[in-house]
Amino acid sequence: MNEGKTYYIYILECSNGSYYTGYTTDIERRYKEHLARTDKCKYTRGFPPVRIAACWSIDFGDLSDVLKIERHIKQMPHAEKTKLILEPGLFHEVARID
């Protein structure tokens, strides 16, 4: 059960060419926080986002499932994240982690 909330997992492309992966319940608000370099956004204060490279809404599971998926993506090598961005349908395979 997803606790009645919609979660989003997103990947930002940052000014240094890196990717930042996060989750939120409000993608528009969260992206604005990254752009504004708020205290909540430690990494993107130093390397501001250039764009939202990918974003997926999660309509299954709960917050712990979302956090597992986020952690899995964060641990992926840059090349795999690039592939995921270019082929967003692969997210369903990534989301099937144990």
PDB file of N, CA and C in Angstrom:
ATOM      1  N   MET A   1       0.849  -1.180   0.000  1.00  0.00           N
ATOM      2  CA  MET A   1       0.000   0.000   0.000  1.00  0.00           C
ATOM      3  C   MET A   1       0.890   1.237   0.000  1.00  0.00           C
ATOM      4  N   ASN A   2       0.468   2.282  -0.696  1.00  0.00           N
ATOM      5  CA  ASN A   2       1.301   3.473  -0.815  1.00  0.00           C
ATOM      6  C   ASN A   2       0.914   4.587   0.150  1.00  0.00           C
ATOM      7  N   GLU A   3       0.195   4.267   1.206  1.00  0.00           N
ATOM      8  CA  GLU A   3      -0.158   5.225   2.263  1.00  0.00           C
ATOM      9  C   GLU A   3      -0.985   6.397   1.742  1.00  0.00           C
ATOM     10  N   GLY A   4      -1.587   6.264   0.553  1.00  0.00           N
ATOM     11  CA  GLY A   4      -2.406   7.319  -0.010  1.00  0.00           C
ATOM     12  C   GLY A   4      -1.620   8.475  -0.595  1.00  0.00           C
ATOM     13  N   LYS A   5      -0.301   8.355  -0.674  1.00  0.00           N
ATOM     14  CA  LYS A   5       0.542   9.407  -1.208  1.00  0.00           C
ATOM     15  C   LYS A   5       1.119   8.968  -2.547  1.00  0.00           C
ATOM     16  N   THR A   6       1.380   9.949  -3.379  1.00  0.00           N
ATOM     17  CA  THR A   6       2.131   9.681  -4.592  1.00  0.00           C
ATOM     18  C   THR A   6       3.559  10.144  -4.344  1.00  0.00           C
ATOM     19  N   TYR A   7       4.489   9.250  -4.550  1.00  0.00           N
ATOM     20  CA  TYR A   7       5.902   9.580  -4.414  1.00  0.00           C
ATOM     21  C   TYR A   7       6.511   9.690  -5.802  1.00  0.00           C
ATOM     22  N   TYR A   8       7.548  10.488  -5.902  1.00  0.00           N
ATOM     23  CA  TYR A   8       8.297  10.637  -7.145  1.00  0.00           C
ATOM     24  C   TYR A   8       9.758  10.364  -6.860  1.00  0.00           C
ATOM     25  N   ILE A   9      10.367   9.593  -7.717  1.00  0.00           N
ATOM     26  CA  ILE A   9      11.810   9.424  -7.702  1.00  0.00           C
ATOM     27  C   ILE A   9      12.316  10.183  -8.916  1.00  0.00           C
ATOM     28  N   TYR A  10      13.340  10.996  -8.706  1.00  0.00           N
ATOM     29  CA  TYR A  10      13.803  11.837  -9.792  1.00  0.00           C
ATOM     30  C   TYR A  10      15.326  11.814  -9.867  1.00  0.00           C
ATOM     31  N   ILE A  11      15.819  12.114 -11.064  1.00  0.00           N
ATOM     32  CA  ILE A  11      17.252  12.269 -11.283  1.00  0.00           C
ATOM     33  C   ILE A  11      17.463  13.652 -11.876  1.00  0.00           C
ATOM     34  N   LEU A  12      18.324  14.434 -11.225  1.00  0.00           N
ATOM     35  CA  LEU A  12      18.698  15.744 -11.738  1.00  0.00           C
ATOM     36  C   LEU A  12      20.059  15.643 -12.403  1.00  0.00           C
ATOM     37  N   GLU A  13      20.212  16.336 -13.510  1.00  0.00           N
ATOM     38  CA  GLU A  13      21.538  16.494 -14.091  1.00  0.00           C
ATOM     39  C   GLU A  13      22.104  17.782 -13.505  1.00  0.00           C
ATOM     40  N   CYS A  14      23.288  17.697 -12.928  1.00  0.00           N
ATOM     41  CA  CYS A  14      23.875  18.843 -12.246  1.00  0.00           C
ATOM     42  C   CYS A  14      24.917  19.539 -13.115  1.00  0.00           C
ATOM     43  N   SER A  15      25.272  20.744 -12.704  1.00  0.00           N
ATOM     44  CA  SER A  15      26.168  21.596 -13.493  1.00  0.00           C
ATOM     45  C   SER A  15      27.545  20.980 -13.715  1.00  0.00           C
ATOM     46  N   ASN A  16      27.964  20.052 -12.860  1.00  0.00           N
ATOM     47  CA  ASN A  16      29.263  19.402 -13.019  1.00  0.00           C
ATOM     48  C   ASN A  16      29.177  18.100 -13.814  1.00  0.00           C
ATOM     49  N   GLY A  17      27.988  17.812 -14.378  1.00  0.00           N
ATOM     50  CA  GLY A  17      27.805  16.603 -15.172  1.00  0.00           C
ATOM     51  C   GLY A  17      27.384  15.387 -14.371  1.00  0.00           C
ATOM     52  N   SER A  18      27.311  15.529 -13.062  1.00  0.00           N
ATOM     53  CA  SER A  18      26.893  14.411 -12.214  1.00  0.00           C
ATOM     54  C   SER A  18      25.368  14.323 -12.184  1.00  0.00           C
ATOM     55  N   TYR A  19      24.886  13.240 -11.605  1.00  0.00           N
ATOM     56  CA  TYR A  19      23.450  13.059 -11.411  1.00  0.00           C
ATOM     57  C   TYR A  19      23.150  13.055  -9.921  1.00  0.00           C
ATOM     58  N   TYR A  20      22.058  13.680  -9.566  1.00  0.00           N
ATOM     59  CA  TYR A  20      21.570  13.646  -8.186  1.00  0.00           C
ATOM     60  C   TYR A  20      20.231  12.917  -8.215  1.00  0.00           C
ATOM     61  N   THR A  21      20.079  11.930  -7.359  1.00  0.00           N
ATOM     62  CA  THR A  21      18.834  11.164  -7.272  1.00  0.00           C
ATOM     63  C   THR A  21      18.160  11.463  -5.952  1.00  0.00           C
ATOM     64  N   GLY A  22      16.847  11.675  -6.000  1.00  0.00           N
ATOM     65  CA  GLY A  22      16.090  11.933  -4.787  1.00  0.00           C
ATOM     66  C   GLY A  22      14.656  11.464  -4.919  1.00  0.00           C
ATOM     67  N   TYR A  23      13.900  11.670  -3.854  1.00  0.00           N
ATOM     68  CA  TYR A  23      12.472  11.342  -3.866  1.00  0.00           C
ATOM     69  C   TYR A  23      11.719  12.488  -3.226  1.00  0.00           C
ATOM     70  N   THR A  24      10.449  12.579  -3.546  1.00  0.00           N
ATOM     71  CA  THR A  24       9.606  13.643  -2.996  1.00  0.00           C
ATOM     72  C   THR A  24       8.139  13.277  -3.192  1.00  0.00           C
ATOM     73  N   THR A  25       7.271  14.037  -2.554  1.00  0.00           N
ATOM     74  CA  THR A  25       5.832  13.920  -2.817  1.00  0.00           C
ATOM     75  C   THR A  25       5.353  15.078  -3.679  1.00  0.00           C
ATOM     76  N   ASP A  26       6.234  16.059  -3.924  1.00  0.00           N
ATOM     77  CA  ASP A  26       5.878  17.233  -4.724  1.00  0.00           C
ATOM     78  C   ASP A  26       7.096  17.628  -5.572  1.00  0.00           C
ATOM     79  N   ILE A  27       7.146  17.143  -6.792  1.00  0.00           N
ATOM     80  CA  ILE A  27       8.323  17.327  -7.636  1.00  0.00           C
ATOM     81  C   ILE A  27       8.558  18.804  -7.973  1.00  0.00           C
ATOM     82  N   GLU A  28       7.506  19.558  -8.217  1.00  0.00           N
ATOM     83  CA  GLU A  28       7.672  20.973  -8.553  1.00  0.00           C
ATOM     84  C   GLU A  28       8.290  21.748  -7.393  1.00  0.00           C
ATOM     85  N   ARG A  29       7.772  21.554  -6.195  1.00  0.00           N
ATOM     86  CA  ARG A  29       8.316  22.232  -5.006  1.00  0.00           C
ATOM     87  C   ARG A  29       9.762  21.821  -4.779  1.00  0.00           C
ATOM     88  N   ARG A  30      10.022  20.538  -4.886  1.00  0.00           N
ATOM     89  CA  ARG A  30      11.366  20.041  -4.602  1.00  0.00           C
ATOM     90  C   ARG A  30      12.389  20.575  -5.607  1.00  0.00           C
ATOM     91  N   TYR A  31      12.008  20.619  -6.877  1.00  0.00           N
ATOM     92  CA  TYR A  31      12.937  21.140  -7.883  1.00  0.00           C
ATOM     93  C   TYR A  31      13.232  22.616  -7.621  1.00  0.00           C
ATOM     94  N   LYS A  32      12.221  23.368  -7.240  1.00  0.00           N
ATOM     95  CA  LYS A  32      12.428  24.780  -6.904  1.00  0.00           C
ATOM     96  C   LYS A  32      13.380  24.922  -5.719  1.00  0.00           C
ATOM     97  N   GLU A  33      13.285  24.007  -4.741  1.00  0.00           N
ATOM     98  CA  GLU A  33      14.213  24.033  -3.607  1.00  0.00           C
ATOM     99  C   GLU A  33      15.645  23.795  -4.078  1.00  0.00           C
ATOM    100  N   HIS A  34      15.809  22.855  -5.007  1.00  0.00           N
ATOM    101  CA  HIS A  34      17.148  22.604  -5.545  1.00  0.00           C
ATOM    102  C   HIS A  34      17.673  23.833  -6.278  1.00  0.00           C
ATOM    103  N   LEU A  35      16.835  24.450  -7.091  1.00  0.00           N
ATOM    104  CA  LEU A  35      17.257  25.636  -7.836  1.00  0.00           C
ATOM    105  C   LEU A  35      17.616  26.795  -6.909  1.00  0.00           C
ATOM    106  N   ALA A  36      16.873  26.916  -5.808  1.00  0.00           N
ATOM    107  CA  ALA A  36      17.113  27.994  -4.841  1.00  0.00           C
ATOM    108  C   ALA A  36      18.286  27.697  -3.910  1.00  0.00           C
ATOM    109  N   ARG A  37      18.811  26.480  -3.993  1.00  0.00           N
ATOM    110  CA  ARG A  37      19.954  26.055  -3.177  1.00  0.00           C
ATOM    111  C   ARG A  37      19.666  26.193  -1.685  1.00  0.00           C
ATOM    112  N   THR A  38      18.494  25.726  -1.289  1.00  0.00           N
ATOM    113  CA  THR A  38      18.109  25.811   0.123  1.00  0.00           C
ATOM    114  C   THR A  38      18.984  24.895   0.973  1.00  0.00           C
ATOM    115  N   ASP A  39      18.888  25.078   2.282  1.00  0.00           N
ATOM    116  CA  ASP A  39      19.656  24.253   3.218  1.00  0.00           C
ATOM    117  C   ASP A  39      19.288  22.774   3.115  1.00  0.00           C
ATOM    118  N   LYS A  40      18.110  22.470   2.596  1.00  0.00           N
ATOM    119  CA  LYS A  40      17.674  21.085   2.441  1.00  0.00           C
ATOM    120  C   LYS A  40      18.414  20.372   1.311  1.00  0.00           C
ATOM    121  N   CYS A  41      19.107  21.131   0.489  1.00  0.00           N
ATOM    122  CA  CYS A  41      19.693  20.604  -0.743  1.00  0.00           C
ATOM    123  C   CYS A  41      21.209  20.722  -0.714  1.00  0.00           C
ATOM    124  N   LYS A  42      21.846  19.942   0.119  1.00  0.00           N
ATOM    125  CA  LYS A  42      23.290  20.092   0.334  1.00  0.00           C
ATOM    126  C   LYS A  42      24.099  19.877  -0.944  1.00  0.00           C
ATOM    127  N   TYR A  43      23.837  18.802  -1.659  1.00  0.00           N
ATOM    128  CA  TYR A  43      24.650  18.513  -2.848  1.00  0.00           C
ATOM    129  C   TYR A  43      24.430  19.545  -3.942  1.00  0.00           C
ATOM    130  N   THR A  44      23.175  19.876  -4.198  1.00  0.00           N
ATOM    131  CA  THR A  44      22.891  20.784  -5.317  1.00  0.00           C
ATOM    132  C   THR A  44      23.159  22.249  -4.987  1.00  0.00           C
ATOM    133  N   ARG A  45      23.491  22.550  -3.747  1.00  0.00           N
ATOM    134  CA  ARG A  45      23.968  23.905  -3.443  1.00  0.00           C
ATOM    135  C   ARG A  45      25.310  24.125  -4.120  1.00  0.00           C
ATOM    136  N   GLY A  46      26.140  23.095  -4.132  1.00  0.00           N
ATOM    137  CA  GLY A  46      27.456  23.199  -4.739  1.00  0.00           C
ATOM    138  C   GLY A  46      27.454  22.956  -6.241  1.00  0.00           C
ATOM    139  N   PHE A  47      26.537  22.112  -6.678  1.00  0.00           N
ATOM    140  CA  PHE A  47      26.438  21.745  -8.095  1.00  0.00           C
ATOM    141  C   PHE A  47      24.982  21.873  -8.518  1.00  0.00           C
ATOM    142  N   PRO A  48      24.533  23.085  -8.832  1.00  0.00           N
ATOM    143  CA  PRO A  48      23.108  23.312  -9.105  1.00  0.00           C
ATOM    144  C   PRO A  48      22.596  22.475 -10.279  1.00  0.00           C
ATOM    145  N   PRO A  49      21.325  22.133 -10.226  1.00  0.00           N
ATOM    146  CA  PRO A  49      20.762  21.330 -11.304  1.00  0.00           C
ATOM    147  C   PRO A  49      20.626  22.125 -12.594  1.00  0.00           C
ATOM    148  N   VAL A  50      20.842  21.420 -13.695  1.00  0.00           N
ATOM    149  CA  VAL A  50      20.664  21.984 -15.021  1.00  0.00           C
ATOM    150  C   VAL A  50      19.258  21.649 -15.522  1.00  0.00           C
ATOM    151  N   ARG A  51      18.798  20.439 -15.152  1.00  0.00           N
ATOM    152  CA  ARG A  51      17.474  19.987 -15.591  1.00  0.00           C
ATOM    153  C   ARG A  51      17.058  18.770 -14.789  1.00  0.00           C
ATOM    154  N   ILE A  52      15.772  18.481 -14.842  1.00  0.00           N
ATOM    155  CA  ILE A  52      15.272  17.202 -14.345  1.00  0.00           C
ATOM    156  C   ILE A  52      15.500  16.230 -15.491  1.00  0.00           C
ATOM    157  N   ALA A  53      16.412  15.298 -15.298  1.00  0.00           N
ATOM    158  CA  ALA A  53      16.760  14.349 -16.356  1.00  0.00           C
ATOM    159  C   ALA A  53      15.723  13.240 -16.474  1.00  0.00           C
ATOM    160  N   ALA A  54      15.127  12.856 -15.338  1.00  0.00           N
ATOM    161  CA  ALA A  54      14.111  11.801 -15.334  1.00  0.00           C
ATOM    162  C   ALA A  54      13.278  11.910 -14.064  1.00  0.00           C
ATOM    163  N   CYS A  55      12.048  11.453 -14.164  1.00  0.00           N
ATOM    164  CA  CYS A  55      11.154  11.473 -13.004  1.00  0.00           C
ATOM    165  C   CYS A  55      10.109  10.390 -13.187  1.00  0.00           C
ATOM    166  N   TRP A  56       9.869   9.617 -12.127  1.00  0.00           N
ATOM    167  CA  TRP A  56       8.874   8.556 -12.163  1.00  0.00           C
ATOM    168  C   TRP A  56       7.942   8.700 -10.964  1.00  0.00           C
ATOM    169  N   SER A  57       6.662   8.530 -11.185  1.00  0.00           N
ATOM    170  CA  SER A  57       5.720   8.513 -10.062  1.00  0.00           C
ATOM    171  C   SER A  57       5.587   7.077  -9.588  1.00  0.00           C
ATOM    172  N   ILE A  58       5.491   6.933  -8.295  1.00  0.00           N
ATOM    173  CA  ILE A  58       5.404   5.611  -7.673  1.00  0.00           C
ATOM    174  C   ILE A  58       3.989   5.449  -7.134  1.00  0.00           C
ATOM    175  N   ASP A  59       3.269   4.511  -7.691  1.00  0.00           N
ATOM    176  CA  ASP A  59       1.889   4.278  -7.236  1.00  0.00           C
ATOM    177  C   ASP A  59       1.740   2.886  -6.632  1.00  0.00           C
ATOM    178  N   PHE A  60       2.838   2.379  -6.101  1.00  0.00           N
ATOM    179  CA  PHE A  60       2.822   1.065  -5.459  1.00  0.00           C
ATOM    180  C   PHE A  60       3.732   1.125  -4.246  1.00  0.00           C
ATOM    181  N   GLY A  61       3.574   0.196  -3.354  1.00  0.00           N
ATOM    182  CA  GLY A  61       4.449   0.131  -2.198  1.00  0.00           C
ATOM    183  C   GLY A  61       4.232   1.262  -1.217  1.00  0.00           C
ATOM    184  N   ASP A  62       5.215   1.453  -0.357  1.00  0.00           N
ATOM    185  CA  ASP A  62       5.155   2.499   0.649  1.00  0.00           C
ATOM    186  C   ASP A  62       6.486   3.237   0.673  1.00  0.00           C
ATOM    187  N   LEU A  63       6.668   4.116   1.631  1.00  0.00           N
ATOM    188  CA  LEU A  63       7.877   4.924   1.677  1.00  0.00           C
ATOM    189  C   LEU A  63       9.131   4.060   1.750  1.00  0.00           C
ATOM    190  N   SER A  64       9.094   2.974   2.484  1.00  0.00           N
ATOM    191  CA  SER A  64      10.298   2.132   2.583  1.00  0.00           C
ATOM    192  C   SER A  64      10.662   1.551   1.218  1.00  0.00           C
ATOM    193  N   ASP A  65       9.661   1.218   0.403  1.00  0.00           N
ATOM    194  CA  ASP A  65       9.932   0.730  -0.954  1.00  0.00           C
ATOM    195  C   ASP A  65      10.559   1.830  -1.806  1.00  0.00           C
ATOM    196  N   VAL A  66      10.027   3.033  -1.690  1.00  0.00           N
ATOM    197  CA  VAL A  66      10.552   4.182  -2.439  1.00  0.00           C
ATOM    198  C   VAL A  66      12.012   4.432  -2.048  1.00  0.00           C
ATOM    199  N   LEU A  67      12.312   4.365  -0.764  1.00  0.00           N
ATOM    200  CA  LEU A  67      13.673   4.603  -0.294  1.00  0.00           C
ATOM    201  C   LEU A  67      14.632   3.523  -0.792  1.00  0.00           C
ATOM    202  N   LYS A  68      14.168   2.285  -0.882  1.00  0.00           N
ATOM    203  CA  LYS A  68      15.009   1.202  -1.413  1.00  0.00           C
ATOM    204  C   LYS A  68      15.335   1.442  -2.883  1.00  0.00           C
ATOM    205  N   ILE A  69      14.338   1.869  -3.648  1.00  0.00           N
ATOM    206  CA  ILE A  69      14.561   2.147  -5.067  1.00  0.00           C
ATOM    207  C   ILE A  69      15.517   3.325  -5.227  1.00  0.00           C
ATOM    208  N   GLU A  70      15.282   4.380  -4.444  1.00  0.00           N
ATOM    209  CA  GLU A  70      16.156   5.556  -4.503  1.00  0.00           C
ATOM    210  C   GLU A  70      17.601   5.162  -4.191  1.00  0.00           C
ATOM    211  N   ARG A  71      17.796   4.408  -3.137  1.00  0.00           N
ATOM    212  CA  ARG A  71      19.140   3.980  -2.736  1.00  0.00           C
ATOM    213  C   ARG A  71      19.796   3.150  -3.843  1.00  0.00           C
ATOM    214  N   HIS A  72      19.010   2.261  -4.454  1.00  0.00           N
ATOM    215  CA  HIS A  72      19.536   1.426  -5.540  1.00  0.00           C
ATOM    216  C   HIS A  72      20.013   2.289  -6.711  1.00  0.00           C
ATOM    217  N   ILE A  73      19.217   3.273  -7.097  1.00  0.00           N
ATOM    218  CA  ILE A  73      19.605   4.152  -8.204  1.00  0.00           C
ATOM    219  C   ILE A  73      20.841   4.967  -7.823  1.00  0.00           C
ATOM    220  N   LYS A  74      20.894   5.468  -6.596  1.00  0.00           N
ATOM    221  CA  LYS A  74      22.052   6.251  -6.153  1.00  0.00           C
ATOM    222  C   LYS A  74      23.338   5.441  -6.248  1.00  0.00           C
ATOM    223  N   GLN A  75      23.251   4.138  -6.049  1.00  0.00           N
ATOM    224  CA  GLN A  75      24.430   3.280  -6.069  1.00  0.00           C
ATOM    225  C   GLN A  75      24.824   2.840  -7.481  1.00  0.00           C
ATOM    226  N   MET A  76      23.991   3.123  -8.466  1.00  0.00           N
ATOM    227  CA  MET A  76      24.299   2.736  -9.836  1.00  0.00           C
ATOM    228  C   MET A  76      25.439   3.591 -10.388  1.00  0.00           C
ATOM    229  N   PRO A  77      26.290   3.011 -11.223  1.00  0.00           N
ATOM    230  CA  PRO A  77      27.327   3.814 -11.883  1.00  0.00           C
ATOM    231  C   PRO A  77      26.691   4.856 -12.811  1.00  0.00           C
ATOM    232  N   HIS A  78      27.439   5.904 -13.092  1.00  0.00           N
ATOM    233  CA  HIS A  78      26.958   7.007 -13.923  1.00  0.00           C
ATOM    234  C   HIS A  78      26.412   6.495 -15.257  1.00  0.00           C
ATOM    235  N   ALA A  79      27.114   5.568 -15.879  1.00  0.00           N
ATOM    236  CA  ALA A  79      26.697   5.045 -17.191  1.00  0.00           C
ATOM    237  C   ALA A  79      25.335   4.349 -17.106  1.00  0.00           C
ATOM    238  N   GLU A  80      25.087   3.638 -16.025  1.00  0.00           N
ATOM    239  CA  GLU A  80      23.786   2.971 -15.858  1.00  0.00           C
ATOM    240  C   GLU A  80      22.682   3.992 -15.625  1.00  0.00           C
ATOM    241  N   LYS A  81      22.978   5.048 -14.891  1.00  0.00           N
ATOM    242  CA  LYS A  81      21.983   6.106 -14.689  1.00  0.00           C
ATOM    243  C   LYS A  81      21.665   6.782 -16.016  1.00  0.00           C
ATOM    244  N   THR A  82      22.690   7.010 -16.839  1.00  0.00           N
ATOM    245  CA  THR A  82      22.477   7.603 -18.155  1.00  0.00           C
ATOM    246  C   THR A  82      21.563   6.713 -18.984  1.00  0.00           C
ATOM    247  N   LYS A  83      21.796   5.419 -18.948  1.00  0.00           N
ATOM    248  CA  LYS A  83      20.944   4.476 -19.689  1.00  0.00           C
ATOM    249  C   LYS A  83      19.508   4.530 -19.179  1.00  0.00           C
ATOM    250  N   LEU A  84      19.353   4.610 -17.867  1.00  0.00           N
ATOM    251  CA  LEU A  84      18.020   4.702 -17.273  1.00  0.00           C
ATOM    252  C   LEU A  84      17.313   5.981 -17.708  1.00  0.00           C
ATOM    253  N   ILE A  85      18.055   7.066 -17.795  1.00  0.00           N
ATOM    254  CA  ILE A  85      17.484   8.344 -18.243  1.00  0.00           C
ATOM    255  C   ILE A  85      17.057   8.247 -19.704  1.00  0.00           C
ATOM    256  N   LEU A  86      17.898   7.647 -20.521  1.00  0.00           N
ATOM    257  CA  LEU A  86      17.603   7.525 -21.949  1.00  0.00           C
ATOM    258  C   LEU A  86      16.523   6.502 -22.251  1.00  0.00           C
ATOM    259  N   GLU A  87      16.379   5.520 -21.363  1.00  0.00           N
ATOM    260  CA  GLU A  87      15.363   4.476 -21.525  1.00  0.00           C
ATOM    261  C   GLU A  87      14.527   4.387 -20.249  1.00  0.00           C
ATOM    262  N   PRO A  88      13.627   5.351 -20.034  1.00  0.00           N
ATOM    263  CA  PRO A  88      12.878   5.419 -18.768  1.00  0.00           C
ATOM    264  C   PRO A  88      12.063   4.170 -18.446  1.00  0.00           C
ATOM    265  N   GLY A  89      11.724   3.390 -19.463  1.00  0.00           N
ATOM    266  CA  GLY A  89      10.974   2.157 -19.220  1.00  0.00           C
ATOM    267  C   GLY A  89      11.752   1.141 -18.401  1.00  0.00           C
ATOM    268  N   LEU A  90      13.072   1.282 -18.346  1.00  0.00           N
ATOM    269  CA  LEU A  90      13.895   0.378 -17.543  1.00  0.00           C
ATOM    270  C   LEU A  90      13.648   0.551 -16.051  1.00  0.00           C
ATOM    271  N   PHE A  91      12.993   1.648 -15.689  1.00  0.00           N
ATOM    272  CA  PHE A  91      12.719   1.905 -14.271  1.00  0.00           C
ATOM    273  C   PHE A  91      11.965   0.751 -13.626  1.00  0.00           C
ATOM    274  N   HIS A  92      11.068   0.129 -14.367  1.00  0.00           N
ATOM    275  CA  HIS A  92      10.283  -0.973 -13.801  1.00  0.00           C
ATOM    276  C   HIS A  92      11.169  -2.142 -13.413  1.00  0.00           C
ATOM    277  N   GLU A  93      12.260  -2.351 -14.135  1.00  0.00           N
ATOM    278  CA  GLU A  93      13.214  -3.390 -13.757  1.00  0.00           C
ATOM    279  C   GLU A  93      13.975  -2.979 -12.497  1.00  0.00           C
ATOM    280  N   VAL A  94      14.377  -1.721 -12.436  1.00  0.00           N
ATOM    281  CA  VAL A  94      15.090  -1.208 -11.266  1.00  0.00           C
ATOM    282  C   VAL A  94      14.198  -1.255 -10.034  1.00  0.00           C
ATOM    283  N   ALA A  95      12.924  -0.989 -10.216  1.00  0.00           N
ATOM    284  CA  ALA A  95      11.982  -0.933  -9.088  1.00  0.00           C
ATOM    285  C   ALA A  95      11.678  -2.314  -8.519  1.00  0.00           C
ATOM    286  N   ARG A  96      12.079  -3.359  -9.179  1.00  0.00           N
ATOM    287  CA  ARG A  96      11.823  -4.728  -8.691  1.00  0.00           C
ATOM    288  C   ARG A  96      12.972  -5.251  -7.866  1.00  0.00           C
ATOM    289  N   ILE A  97      13.524  -4.426  -7.001  1.00  0.00           N
ATOM    290  CA  ILE A  97      14.619  -4.868  -6.162  1.00  0.00           C
ATOM    291  C   ILE A  97      14.070  -5.653  -4.980  1.00  0.00           C
ATOM    292  N   ASP A  98      14.911  -6.484  -4.384  1.00  0.00           N
ATOM    293  CA  ASP A  98      14.461  -7.303  -3.242  1.00  0.00           C
ATOM    294  C   ASP A  98      14.587  -6.551  -1.947  1.00  0.00           C
TER     295      ASP A  98
END
